[in-house]
Protein backbone atom coordinates (compact mmCIF):
# COMPACT_ATOMS: atom_id res chain seq x y z
CA MET A 1 -81.36 -246.87 153.29
CA ARG A 2 -81.22 -243.42 151.83
CA ARG A 3 -77.99 -242.79 150.03
CA LEU A 4 -76.75 -239.27 149.51
CA LEU A 5 -74.94 -238.79 146.23
CA ALA A 6 -71.89 -236.66 145.58
CA ALA A 7 -72.87 -233.01 145.64
CA THR A 8 -72.86 -230.19 143.15
CA SER A 9 -72.86 -226.50 144.04
CA LEU A 10 -74.46 -223.53 142.32
CA ALA A 11 -73.43 -220.00 143.28
CA LEU A 12 -76.25 -217.64 142.35
CA ALA A 13 -76.31 -213.85 142.18
CA ALA A 14 -79.55 -211.90 141.98
CA GLY A 15 -79.10 -208.22 141.18
CA GLY A 16 -76.52 -206.74 143.55
CA ALA A 17 -77.27 -209.15 146.41
CA VAL A 18 -74.80 -211.50 148.02
CA ALA A 19 -74.53 -214.79 146.14
CA GLN A 20 -76.92 -217.54 147.22
CA ALA A 21 -75.38 -221.00 147.35
CA VAL A 22 -77.53 -223.96 146.27
CA THR A 23 -76.27 -227.53 146.39
CA LEU A 24 -77.88 -230.59 144.82
CA GLN A 25 -76.94 -233.00 147.58
CA GLY A 26 -78.63 -236.02 146.00
CA MET A 27 -81.96 -237.51 144.97
CA LEU A 28 -84.60 -239.04 147.24
CA GLY A 29 -86.90 -240.80 144.81
CA SER A 30 -88.36 -238.06 142.62
CA LYS A 31 -87.37 -235.35 145.12
CA ALA A 32 -84.29 -233.15 144.83
CA LEU A 33 -82.30 -232.90 148.06
CA LEU A 34 -81.17 -229.26 148.14
CA VAL A 35 -78.87 -227.49 150.58
CA ILE A 36 -79.32 -223.72 150.50
CA ASP A 37 -76.66 -221.44 152.01
CA GLY A 38 -75.23 -224.30 154.09
CA GLY A 39 -78.55 -224.99 155.84
CA ALA A 40 -80.19 -228.31 156.57
CA PRO A 41 -80.98 -230.47 153.51
CA ARG A 42 -84.44 -229.86 152.09
CA ALA A 43 -86.22 -232.46 149.94
CA LEU A 44 -88.37 -230.78 147.27
CA ALA A 45 -90.63 -232.51 144.78
CA PRO A 46 -91.35 -230.99 141.34
CA GLY A 47 -93.63 -227.99 141.82
CA GLU A 48 -92.44 -227.26 145.37
CA SER A 49 -90.52 -224.11 146.37
CA PHE A 50 -88.27 -223.06 149.23
CA ARG A 51 -86.59 -219.68 149.80
CA GLY A 52 -87.40 -218.55 146.26
CA ILE A 53 -86.07 -221.69 144.59
CA LYS A 54 -88.65 -223.83 142.77
CA VAL A 55 -88.03 -227.35 141.54
CA LEU A 56 -89.54 -227.76 138.07
CA SER A 57 -88.55 -231.34 137.30
CA THR A 58 -86.18 -234.15 138.29
CA ALA A 59 -84.69 -237.01 136.30
CA GLY A 60 -81.86 -239.37 137.19
CA GLN A 61 -79.17 -237.36 138.95
CA GLN A 62 -80.28 -233.89 137.94
CA ALA A 63 -82.95 -231.34 138.75
CA VAL A 64 -84.27 -228.35 136.83
CA VAL A 65 -84.92 -225.41 139.16
CA GLU A 66 -86.20 -221.87 138.73
CA ILE A 67 -84.52 -218.94 140.43
CA ALA A 68 -85.68 -215.36 139.86
CA GLY A 69 -87.61 -216.43 136.78
CA ARG A 70 -84.66 -218.24 135.18
CA ARG A 71 -84.25 -221.97 134.69
CA GLN A 72 -81.07 -223.73 135.72
CA THR A 73 -80.16 -227.41 135.59
CA LEU A 74 -78.33 -228.79 138.62
CA ARG A 75 -76.44 -232.05 138.18
CA VAL A 76 -74.86 -234.27 140.80
CA GLY A 77 -71.07 -233.99 140.53
CA GLU A 78 -71.10 -230.76 138.54
CA THR A 79 -68.97 -227.80 139.56
CA PRO A 80 -70.32 -224.38 140.59
CA ALA A 81 -71.85 -222.06 137.99
CA SER A 82 -73.20 -218.54 138.38
CA VAL A 83 -76.53 -217.03 137.39
CA GLY A 84 -77.40 -213.39 137.88
CA ALA A 85 -79.81 -210.73 136.80
CA GLY A 86 -77.34 -209.65 134.16
CA GLY A 87 -76.94 -213.11 132.64
CA GLY A 88 -74.32 -214.36 135.11
CA SER A 89 -71.43 -212.36 133.65
CA SER A 90 -70.88 -210.00 136.60
CA ALA A 91 -68.42 -210.86 139.36
CA GLN A 92 -69.66 -208.99 142.41
CA GLY A 93 -70.28 -211.90 144.77
CA SER A 94 -68.61 -212.34 148.12
CA ARG A 95 -69.41 -215.96 149.02
CA ILE A 96 -68.19 -219.27 147.63
CA VAL A 97 -69.54 -222.66 148.68
CA LEU A 98 -67.61 -225.78 147.68
CA THR A 99 -68.54 -229.42 148.22
CA ALA A 100 -65.95 -232.14 148.76
CA GLY A 101 -65.70 -234.89 146.17
CA SER A 102 -65.56 -238.62 146.85
CA GLY A 103 -61.89 -238.40 147.85
CA GLY A 104 -62.53 -235.55 150.28
CA HIS A 105 -60.87 -232.99 148.00
CA PHE A 106 -62.45 -229.67 147.05
CA ILE A 107 -62.28 -229.33 143.28
CA THR A 108 -64.05 -226.58 141.37
CA GLU A 109 -64.16 -224.92 137.99
CA GLY A 110 -63.03 -221.33 137.78
CA ALA A 111 -61.02 -218.92 135.67
CA ILE A 112 -57.60 -217.28 135.61
CA ASN A 113 -57.35 -214.05 133.64
CA GLY A 114 -60.73 -214.89 132.13
CA LYS A 115 -59.75 -218.37 130.88
CA PRO A 116 -61.29 -221.57 132.34
CA VAL A 117 -59.30 -223.79 134.69
CA GLN A 118 -59.97 -226.53 137.22
CA PHE A 119 -58.85 -225.72 140.77
CA LEU A 120 -57.94 -228.03 143.63
CA VAL A 121 -58.11 -226.29 147.02
CA ASP A 122 -54.75 -226.68 148.79
CA THR A 123 -54.46 -224.90 152.14
CA GLY A 124 -50.82 -226.01 152.33
CA ALA A 125 -49.83 -224.12 149.18
CA THR A 126 -48.49 -220.59 149.65
CA ALA A 127 -49.72 -219.36 146.27
CA VAL A 128 -51.86 -220.40 143.34
CA ALA A 129 -49.67 -222.99 141.62
CA MET A 130 -49.72 -224.54 138.17
CA GLY A 131 -47.54 -226.46 135.74
CA ILE A 132 -45.75 -224.92 132.78
CA SER A 133 -48.12 -226.51 130.26
CA GLU A 134 -51.12 -224.95 131.99
CA ALA A 135 -49.40 -221.56 132.11
CA LYS A 136 -48.79 -221.76 128.36
CA ARG A 137 -52.43 -222.71 127.73
CA LEU A 138 -53.53 -219.66 129.71
CA GLY A 139 -51.16 -217.40 127.77
CA ILE A 140 -49.09 -216.57 130.85
CA ASP A 141 -45.49 -215.60 130.09
CA TYR A 142 -44.05 -217.22 133.18
CA THR A 143 -40.46 -216.58 132.03
CA GLN A 144 -40.98 -212.92 133.00
CA GLY A 145 -41.60 -213.99 136.59
CA ARG A 146 -39.09 -214.00 139.41
CA VAL A 147 -36.99 -217.17 139.44
CA ALA A 148 -36.89 -218.94 142.80
CA ARG A 149 -36.33 -222.40 144.25
CA GLY A 150 -39.19 -224.44 145.64
CA ASN A 151 -39.57 -227.77 147.40
CA THR A 152 -41.83 -230.47 145.97
CA ALA A 153 -42.34 -234.19 146.61
CA ASN A 154 -39.70 -234.79 143.94
CA GLY A 155 -37.16 -232.47 145.52
CA GLU A 156 -36.09 -228.89 144.86
CA VAL A 157 -37.17 -227.32 141.56
CA THR A 158 -37.03 -223.98 139.77
CA VAL A 159 -40.18 -221.94 140.32
CA TYR A 160 -41.35 -218.84 138.48
CA GLU A 161 -43.18 -216.41 140.78
CA LEU A 162 -45.61 -213.88 139.30
CA LYS A 163 -48.96 -212.17 139.78
CA LEU A 164 -52.20 -213.17 138.12
CA ALA A 165 -54.45 -210.34 136.99
CA SER A 166 -57.56 -212.15 138.25
CA VAL A 167 -58.80 -215.41 139.74
CA ARG A 168 -62.50 -216.14 139.61
CA ILE A 169 -64.82 -218.80 141.03
CA GLY A 170 -68.51 -218.45 140.27
CA ASP A 171 -69.38 -214.77 140.68
CA VAL A 172 -66.46 -214.03 143.01
CA GLU A 173 -63.34 -212.49 141.49
CA VAL A 174 -60.05 -211.56 143.16
CA TYR A 175 -57.32 -209.44 141.57
CA ASP A 176 -53.50 -209.36 141.71
CA VAL A 177 -53.06 -212.86 143.08
CA ASP A 178 -49.60 -214.30 143.73
CA ALA A 179 -48.87 -217.44 141.72
CA ALA A 180 -46.09 -219.92 141.06
CA VAL A 181 -45.37 -221.88 137.87
CA LEU A 182 -43.62 -225.22 138.35
CA PRO A 183 -41.89 -227.45 135.78
CA ALA A 184 -44.13 -230.40 136.69
CA GLN A 185 -47.26 -231.82 135.12
CA MET A 186 -50.18 -230.99 137.40
CA PRO A 187 -53.73 -232.33 136.90
CA HIS A 188 -55.22 -229.27 138.61
CA VAL A 189 -54.27 -225.71 139.40
CA LEU A 190 -53.67 -225.53 143.16
CA LEU A 191 -55.81 -222.88 144.81
CA GLY A 192 -53.41 -221.77 147.51
CA ASN A 193 -53.35 -219.20 150.27
CA SER A 194 -52.66 -216.18 148.06
CA PHE A 195 -56.34 -216.60 147.10
CA LEU A 196 -57.76 -218.34 150.17
CA SER A 197 -56.36 -215.77 152.63
CA ARG A 198 -58.68 -213.17 151.09
CA PHE A 199 -61.59 -215.11 152.64
CA GLN A 200 -62.87 -216.29 155.99
CA MET A 201 -62.98 -220.07 155.67
CA THR A 202 -65.59 -222.22 157.43
CA ARG A 203 -66.08 -225.98 157.17
CA PHE A 204 -69.52 -227.61 157.48
CA ASN A 205 -69.10 -231.37 157.17
CA ASP A 206 -68.37 -231.85 153.45
CA GLN A 207 -68.89 -228.17 152.57
CA MET A 208 -66.35 -225.36 152.58
CA VAL A 209 -67.68 -221.81 152.75
CA LEU A 210 -65.44 -218.87 151.80
CA GLU A 211 -66.65 -215.39 152.83
CA ARG A 212 -64.74 -212.46 151.39
CA ARG A 213 -62.80 -210.37 153.92
CA TYR A 214 -63.26 -206.58 153.79
């Protein structure tokens, strides 16, 4: 029986075009099972190409692919990265594709104010939320935020409300995002609706696609 492995997403930008989403869905023998822009899975052997993406080699749970003349290694279980004509540093994309992990949660690497963080998508959270220790690591002076009261699983707590200069995932960046800092230890930064509401959200099985609203 063919067994699909946990997925990894790659958000790709070429020039000024809309980001192209490529997912390494798993391995079928020596073939890489790729999902491109949420389409049907496509099994490609080394040397084969589809929609401008060429598989160069496969080994274990990873595949080396070539996009627009650049090599990129996709690994099962890895979070999204961005590659663009300018070296992947620009943030002009409008599309994010996330793949659910083994527990059904959408977890992805990203950045707040240019510093790396790990996000957990939480459609029940009003704002981007983090613990005090994470705020300190990011250099956020949460004490300058508005003091409010919030409800958590452990009861009512003091919350500091503020705005983040930027939140970025892959090549998509959003500015002036409402956030809350809580006095609890949190394994992830919650990616709440102050970010998610900027996008049209669509669910395809274990994939979540966010399209920027204009």
